[in-house]
Amino acid sequence: MKSLTLGPHIQAKRATHAVTVETVRHLFLLRKVVAASGVLERFPRLTESVAYVLAYDALLGEGIRPIGGAERAVLKCKEIEAELKQAKYRGVQRDPILESVLLLPAGTDLHDFAPVRDGRAVLQSRASCFPACALAPPRGAKLLDACAAPGNKTTQLAAAVGPGGRVLALDKDKRRVQRLRETVDRAGAASIVETRCDDFLTLDPAQHADVEAILLDPSCSGTGTEAGRLDAMLRDGGESAEASELSVAPEEAERIEALAAFQRRALEHALSFPGVQRISYSTCSIHAEENEMVVQAVEKVARERGFVLARALPSWPRRGLPDLDPSQSGAGCI
């Protein structure tokens, strides 16, 4: 797609690439909409691929203008507009497990929704909402978000503790801290959140004895987010992320081990804060080396410091992998 959309003959390269990628991402929905509209039958010279791109732009993108025959054809299809109106808010419900989360149907686009624009609501995947909900900090608590940027989980924590609470949000990269501050300001959480450019591993726990809970979402391989980045589409034969986990390249295995070593150090450091009562550890990796095995590696130290592994979000049915360790600690993970 890059070679086609970013070629020298393309004038608006970035916009063309962006709309093409988003069209592919929503292709399942767009095929249904275009088929239901009958636009291809009514306008035989309109090709399928152009119809999908224009339908995406009309429904989920920045809109289209009647500047050509294809655009006018799509705009004439009131069925597409009716399909959008029916689908946009259909099926919105409160998450049965995560009380502060609203679930929206797949394909819903709310980037132009007023509460999202003004920061009252934050768009975030359901999986990304789990760590803060698992931490379940009490109102008024003092929290530490150890690897906070870009800040969606930070604002979720701020909403949980409320105006009487405090969240210290760290990131060691200056550019990411700027993004973190923008996210916090946009959500109206600046009175609760203190953002700081700092390395969590160098933070002195004794200087933060008032911290009651820590959310630790450290750097990881990111394999759990491949589908959202379209990586899975680029695999030979359409191999899924789950299948590819079984055959990790040697250089990738070394990278995962290096990341796991960092994650173990970060989790042990979190356990050393004197006032901490709760820690939520999470990654967006599918590899056990970065998940259950990290928990297993620090479990002895955790017990020595008075911690136990709680069963995170107990009503969530799918658990971790208990067969990886004799202590069955995987049952406490999700």
Protein backbone atom coordinates (compact mmCIF):
# COMPACT_ATOMS: atom_id res chain seq x y z
CA MET A 1 0.00 0.00 0.00
CA LYS A 2 2.84 2.39 0.77
CA SER A 3 4.46 1.96 -2.63
CA LEU A 4 1.14 2.74 -4.34
CA THR A 5 -0.12 5.56 -2.12
CA LEU A 6 3.22 7.32 -1.57
CA GLY A 7 4.46 7.02 -5.17
CA PRO A 8 5.91 10.03 -7.02
CA HIS A 9 2.77 10.44 -9.15
CA ILE A 10 0.55 10.91 -6.06
CA GLN A 11 0.12 14.58 -5.10
CA ALA A 12 -1.48 14.34 -1.63
CA LYS A 13 0.66 11.42 -0.42
CA ARG A 14 -0.06 11.44 3.32
CA ALA A 15 -3.81 11.98 2.90
CA THR A 16 -4.04 9.29 0.20
CA HIS A 17 -2.12 6.79 2.33
CA ALA A 18 -4.21 7.58 5.43
CA VAL A 19 -7.59 7.20 3.73
CA THR A 20 -6.46 3.98 2.01
CA VAL A 21 -5.32 2.40 5.29
CA GLU A 22 -8.55 3.41 7.04
CA THR A 23 -10.63 2.08 4.15
CA VAL A 24 -8.90 -1.30 4.47
CA ARG A 25 -9.43 -1.25 8.22
CA HIS A 26 -13.21 -0.72 7.81
CA LEU A 27 -13.58 -2.78 4.62
CA PHE A 28 -15.90 -5.38 6.17
CA LEU A 29 -18.42 -2.65 7.09
CA LEU A 30 -17.94 -0.64 3.89
CA ARG A 31 -18.64 -3.66 1.68
CA LYS A 32 -21.98 -4.13 3.44
CA VAL A 33 -22.88 -0.45 3.16
CA VAL A 34 -21.96 -0.18 -0.53
CA ALA A 35 -23.85 -3.38 -1.33
CA ALA A 36 -26.93 -2.17 0.57
CA SER A 37 -26.84 1.19 -1.20
CA GLY A 38 -26.97 -0.28 -4.70
CA VAL A 39 -24.59 2.43 -5.88
CA LEU A 40 -22.57 0.07 -8.10
CA GLU A 41 -25.71 -1.04 -9.95
CA ARG A 42 -27.04 2.50 -10.34
CA PHE A 43 -23.68 3.86 -11.54
CA PRO A 44 -21.96 1.10 -13.57
CA ARG A 45 -18.83 3.18 -14.26
CA LEU A 46 -18.08 3.46 -10.56
CA THR A 47 -15.51 0.82 -9.52
CA GLU A 48 -15.72 -1.09 -6.25
CA SER A 49 -12.43 0.23 -4.87
CA VAL A 50 -13.36 3.87 -5.54
CA ALA A 51 -16.80 3.27 -4.01
CA TYR A 52 -15.24 1.88 -0.81
CA VAL A 53 -12.84 4.81 -0.45
CA LEU A 54 -15.55 7.40 -1.05
CA ALA A 55 -17.98 5.61 1.27
CA TYR A 56 -15.32 5.66 4.00
CA ASP A 57 -14.67 9.38 3.51
CA ALA A 58 -18.39 10.18 3.43
CA LEU A 59 -19.24 8.20 6.55
CA LEU A 60 -16.17 8.04 8.76
CA GLY A 61 -13.69 10.51 7.29
CA GLU A 62 -13.75 14.23 6.54
CA GLY A 63 -16.64 14.05 4.07
CA ILE A 64 -16.65 14.43 0.30
CA ARG A 65 -17.67 17.20 -2.10
CA PRO A 66 -19.50 16.75 -5.44
CA ILE A 67 -16.42 17.52 -7.54
CA GLY A 68 -16.62 14.51 -9.87
CA GLY A 69 -18.94 11.84 -11.15
CA ALA A 70 -17.90 9.26 -8.56
CA GLU A 71 -18.34 11.69 -5.68
CA ARG A 72 -21.76 12.79 -6.93
CA ALA A 73 -22.83 9.18 -7.32
CA VAL A 74 -21.99 8.34 -3.72
CA LEU A 75 -23.58 11.52 -2.37
CA LYS A 76 -26.82 10.69 -4.18
CA CYS A 77 -27.16 7.44 -2.27
CA LYS A 78 -29.33 8.41 0.66
CA GLU A 79 -29.19 4.78 1.73
CA ILE A 80 -25.59 5.29 2.85
CA GLU A 81 -26.56 8.27 4.97
CA ALA A 82 -29.49 6.32 6.44
CA GLU A 83 -27.16 3.39 7.21
CA LEU A 84 -24.81 5.70 9.09
CA LYS A 85 -27.57 7.34 11.13
CA GLN A 86 -28.96 3.95 12.12
CA ALA A 87 -25.56 2.51 13.06
CA LYS A 88 -23.88 5.46 14.76
CA TYR A 89 -25.39 5.11 18.24
CA ARG A 90 -26.99 1.68 17.99
CA GLY A 91 -26.02 -0.72 20.73
CA VAL A 92 -24.24 1.71 23.12
CA GLN A 93 -24.16 0.10 26.57
CA ARG A 94 -22.37 0.32 29.89
CA ASP A 95 -19.62 -2.27 30.21
CA PRO A 96 -20.87 -5.08 32.50
CA ILE A 97 -17.44 -5.46 34.15
CA LEU A 98 -15.77 -2.03 33.84
CA GLU A 99 -18.24 0.37 35.45
CA SER A 100 -16.69 3.60 34.12
CA VAL A 101 -16.63 2.39 30.50
CA LEU A 102 -19.22 2.67 27.75
CA LEU A 103 -19.07 0.03 25.02
CA LEU A 104 -19.66 1.15 21.43
CA PRO A 105 -20.34 -1.09 18.43
CA ALA A 106 -17.42 -1.95 16.15
CA GLY A 107 -17.06 0.62 13.38
CA THR A 108 -18.59 3.48 15.38
CA ASP A 109 -16.73 6.72 14.73
CA LEU A 110 -17.01 9.33 17.47
CA HIS A 111 -14.01 11.54 16.72
CA ASP A 112 -16.45 14.35 15.91
CA PHE A 113 -18.64 13.62 18.94
CA ALA A 114 -18.80 16.75 21.15
CA PRO A 115 -17.85 15.04 24.47
CA VAL A 116 -14.77 13.56 22.78
CA ARG A 117 -13.75 16.86 21.20
CA ASP A 118 -13.98 18.75 24.48
CA GLY A 119 -12.35 16.02 26.57
CA ARG A 120 -15.33 14.88 28.65
CA ALA A 121 -15.02 11.40 27.12
CA VAL A 122 -11.85 9.57 26.06
CA LEU A 123 -11.72 7.09 23.19
CA GLN A 124 -9.82 4.00 24.34
CA SER A 125 -9.91 0.29 23.57
CA ARG A 126 -11.58 -1.94 26.12
CA ALA A 127 -8.32 -3.79 26.80
CA SER A 128 -6.53 -0.51 27.58
CA CYS A 129 -9.20 0.26 30.19
CA PHE A 130 -8.46 -2.93 32.15
CA PRO A 131 -5.29 -1.91 34.06
CA ALA A 132 -6.80 1.14 35.78
CA CYS A 133 -10.03 -0.73 36.53
CA ALA A 134 -8.04 -3.64 37.98
CA LEU A 135 -6.10 -1.20 40.18
CA ALA A 136 -9.45 0.11 41.49
CA PRO A 137 -8.01 3.02 43.51
CA PRO A 138 -10.27 4.49 46.21
CA ARG A 139 -11.54 8.05 45.91
CA GLY A 140 -9.02 10.58 47.15
CA ALA A 141 -6.05 8.21 46.78
CA LYS A 142 -2.49 9.25 45.83
CA LEU A 143 -1.36 7.32 42.76
CA LEU A 144 1.72 6.92 40.58
CA ASP A 145 1.45 6.24 36.84
CA ALA A 146 4.96 4.96 36.20
CA CYS A 147 5.10 4.96 32.37
CA ALA A 148 2.25 7.31 31.64
CA ALA A 149 2.45 8.70 28.08
CA PRO A 150 0.32 9.20 26.03
CA GLY A 151 -1.95 9.61 29.07
CA ASN A 152 -5.30 7.91 28.45
CA LYS A 153 -4.82 5.59 31.44
CA THR A 154 -3.64 8.63 33.44
CA THR A 155 -6.90 10.48 32.86
CA GLN A 156 -8.81 7.29 33.69
CA LEU A 157 -6.99 7.17 37.03
CA ALA A 158 -7.72 10.87 37.64
CA ALA A 159 -11.43 10.23 37.08
CA ALA A 160 -11.28 7.31 39.52
CA VAL A 161 -9.63 9.19 42.42
CA GLY A 162 -11.58 12.41 41.85
CA PRO A 163 -10.73 16.00 42.89
CA GLY A 164 -9.47 14.93 46.32
CA GLY A 165 -6.91 12.55 44.85
CA ARG A 166 -3.56 13.03 43.14
CA VAL A 167 -1.80 11.25 40.26
CA LEU A 168 1.92 11.62 39.61
CA ALA A 169 2.43 10.74 35.95
CA LEU A 170 5.96 10.00 34.70
CA ASP A 171 7.64 9.47 31.36
CA LYS A 172 11.34 9.79 30.63
CA ASP A 173 10.94 11.01 27.03
CA LYS A 174 10.45 14.79 26.70
CA ARG A 175 8.35 14.54 23.56
CA ARG A 176 6.09 11.90 25.07
CA VAL A 177 5.69 14.01 28.21
CA GLN A 178 4.43 16.86 26.04
CA ARG A 179 1.84 14.50 24.56
CA LEU A 180 0.97 13.36 28.09
CA ARG A 181 0.39 16.96 29.21
CA GLU A 182 -1.82 17.66 26.20
CA THR A 183 -3.95 14.60 27.00
CA VAL A 184 -4.30 15.61 30.66
CA ASP A 185 -5.17 19.22 29.80
CA ARG A 186 -7.71 18.16 27.20
CA ALA A 187 -9.47 15.95 29.73
CA GLY A 188 -9.55 18.74 32.34
CA ALA A 189 -7.47 16.68 34.76
CA ALA A 190 -4.56 19.09 35.32
CA SER A 191 -5.72 19.90 38.86
CA ILE A 192 -5.37 16.21 39.79
CA VAL A 193 -2.42 15.07 37.66
CA GLU A 194 1.19 16.21 38.05
CA THR A 195 3.18 15.35 34.91
CA ARG A 196 6.94 14.96 35.15
CA CYS A 197 9.76 14.03 32.78
CA ASP A 198 11.50 11.40 34.89
CA ASP A 199 12.70 7.79 34.79
CA PHE A 200 10.61 5.61 37.08
CA LEU A 201 13.55 3.30 37.81
CA THR A 202 15.56 6.20 39.25
CA LEU A 203 12.71 7.50 41.43
CA ASP A 204 13.49 7.29 45.16
CA PRO A 205 10.61 5.41 46.85
CA ALA A 206 11.40 7.05 50.19
CA GLN A 207 10.61 10.45 48.66
CA HIS A 208 7.15 9.22 47.66
CA ALA A 209 5.92 7.50 50.80
CA ASP A 210 2.41 8.92 50.26
CA VAL A 211 1.89 6.91 47.06
CA GLU A 212 -0.83 4.35 47.76
CA ALA A 213 -1.12 2.61 44.40
CA ILE A 214 0.95 2.27 41.22
CA LEU A 215 -0.09 1.60 37.66
CA LEU A 216 2.84 0.06 35.78
CA ASP A 217 2.34 -0.30 32.02
CA PRO A 218 5.97 -0.49 30.86
CA SER A 219 7.54 -0.63 27.41
CA CYS A 220 6.87 -3.98 25.75
CA SER A 221 7.02 -5.71 22.37
CA GLY A 222 3.55 -4.41 21.45
CA THR A 223 2.53 -7.68 19.82
CA GLY A 224 -0.98 -7.41 21.23
CA THR A 225 -1.70 -4.29 19.18
CA GLU A 226 -0.54 -5.63 15.82
CA ALA A 227 -4.06 -5.97 14.45
CA GLY A 228 -4.73 -2.28 15.07
CA ARG A 229 -1.50 -1.40 13.27
CA LEU A 230 -2.47 -3.67 10.33
CA ASP A 231 0.71 -5.73 10.85
CA ALA A 232 -1.31 -8.93 10.61
CA MET A 233 -2.32 -8.05 7.05
CA LEU A 234 1.31 -7.95 6.01
CA ARG A 235 2.09 -11.48 7.21
CA ASP A 236 2.70 -14.12 4.56
CA GLY A 237 -0.51 -16.02 3.95
CA GLY A 238 -2.45 -13.84 6.41
CA GLU A 239 -0.91 -15.60 9.40
CA SER A 240 -2.52 -14.46 12.64
CA ALA A 241 -0.70 -12.94 15.59
CA GLU A 242 -1.57 -16.01 17.69
CA ALA A 243 -0.01 -18.35 15.13
CA SER A 244 3.11 -16.23 14.75
CA GLU A 245 3.73 -16.40 18.51
CA LEU A 246 4.75 -20.03 18.05
CA SER A 247 7.69 -19.15 15.80
CA VAL A 248 9.55 -16.11 17.10
CA ALA A 249 12.70 -15.13 15.19
CA PRO A 250 15.96 -15.32 17.22
CA GLU A 251 16.51 -11.55 17.14
CA GLU A 252 12.93 -10.98 18.28
CA ALA A 253 13.38 -13.50 21.09
CA GLU A 254 16.43 -11.55 22.30
CA ARG A 255 14.43 -8.32 22.21
CA ILE A 256 11.60 -9.89 24.20
CA GLU A 257 14.02 -11.17 26.84
CA ALA A 258 15.61 -7.72 27.16
CA LEU A 259 12.19 -6.16 27.56
CA ALA A 260 11.20 -8.79 30.13
CA ALA A 261 14.34 -8.04 32.16
CA PHE A 262 13.41 -4.35 32.21
CA GLN A 263 9.82 -5.19 33.14
CA ARG A 264 10.98 -7.35 36.07
CA ARG A 265 13.19 -4.52 37.36
CA ALA A 266 10.33 -2.03 37.05
CA LEU A 267 7.88 -4.29 38.89
CA GLU A 268 10.36 -4.98 41.70
CA HIS A 269 10.96 -1.23 41.98
CA ALA A 270 7.21 -0.62 42.27
CA LEU A 271 7.07 -3.14 45.13
CA SER A 272 9.66 -1.11 47.06
CA PHE A 273 7.50 1.99 47.61
CA PRO A 274 6.77 2.03 51.36
CA GLY A 275 3.15 3.19 51.26
CA VAL A 276 1.94 1.22 48.26
CA GLN A 277 -1.05 -1.04 48.85
CA ARG A 278 -1.90 -1.97 45.25
CA ILE A 279 0.02 -2.41 41.99
CA SER A 280 -1.48 -3.07 38.57
CA TYR A 281 1.00 -4.50 36.03
CA SER A 282 0.06 -4.66 32.35
CA THR A 283 1.52 -4.93 28.87
CA CYS A 284 0.12 -4.96 25.33
CA SER A 285 2.13 -8.09 24.51
CA ILE A 286 0.83 -11.59 23.77
CA HIS A 287 4.05 -13.24 25.01
CA ALA A 288 4.02 -15.04 28.37
CA GLU A 289 7.66 -13.93 28.87
CA GLU A 290 6.41 -10.35 29.33
CA ASN A 291 3.31 -11.26 31.29
CA GLU A 292 2.78 -14.31 33.53
CA MET A 293 6.51 -15.07 33.67
CA VAL A 294 7.31 -11.54 34.87
CA VAL A 295 4.73 -11.92 37.62
CA GLN A 296 6.16 -15.31 38.54
CA ALA A 297 9.72 -13.94 38.65
CA VAL A 298 8.90 -11.24 41.23
CA GLU A 299 6.39 -13.22 43.27
CA LYS A 300 8.88 -14.24 45.96
CA VAL A 301 10.04 -10.65 46.48
CA ALA A 302 6.42 -9.51 46.52
CA ARG A 303 5.49 -11.99 49.25
CA GLU A 304 8.52 -10.96 51.33
CA ARG A 305 7.24 -7.38 51.20
CA GLY A 306 3.73 -8.34 52.26
CA PHE A 307 2.01 -8.49 48.88
CA VAL A 308 -0.30 -11.19 47.55
CA LEU A 309 -1.40 -11.73 43.96
CA ALA A 310 -5.09 -10.78 43.84
CA ARG A 311 -7.46 -12.22 41.27
CA ALA A 312 -7.74 -9.19 38.97
CA LEU A 313 -11.29 -8.39 37.81
CA PRO A 314 -12.66 -11.70 39.14
CA SER A 315 -15.78 -11.66 36.94
CA TRP A 316 -13.67 -11.66 33.77
CA PRO A 317 -13.83 -15.28 32.55
CA ARG A 318 -10.51 -15.71 30.68
CA ARG A 319 -7.50 -15.93 32.98
CA GLY A 320 -3.73 -16.17 32.52
CA LEU A 321 -1.74 -19.32 31.87
CA PRO A 322 -1.51 -21.28 35.15
CA ASP A 323 0.38 -24.19 33.56
CA LEU A 324 3.47 -22.00 33.17
CA ASP A 325 4.30 -22.14 36.89
CA PRO A 326 3.68 -24.53 39.80
CA SER A 327 2.22 -21.80 42.02
CA GLN A 328 -0.70 -21.32 39.59
CA SER A 329 -0.16 -17.55 39.68
CA GLY A 330 -1.55 -17.31 36.15
CA ALA A 331 -5.02 -17.68 37.60
CA GLY A 332 -4.60 -14.23 39.14
CA CYS A 333 -3.90 -12.67 35.73
CA ILE A 334 -6.08 -11.82 32.76
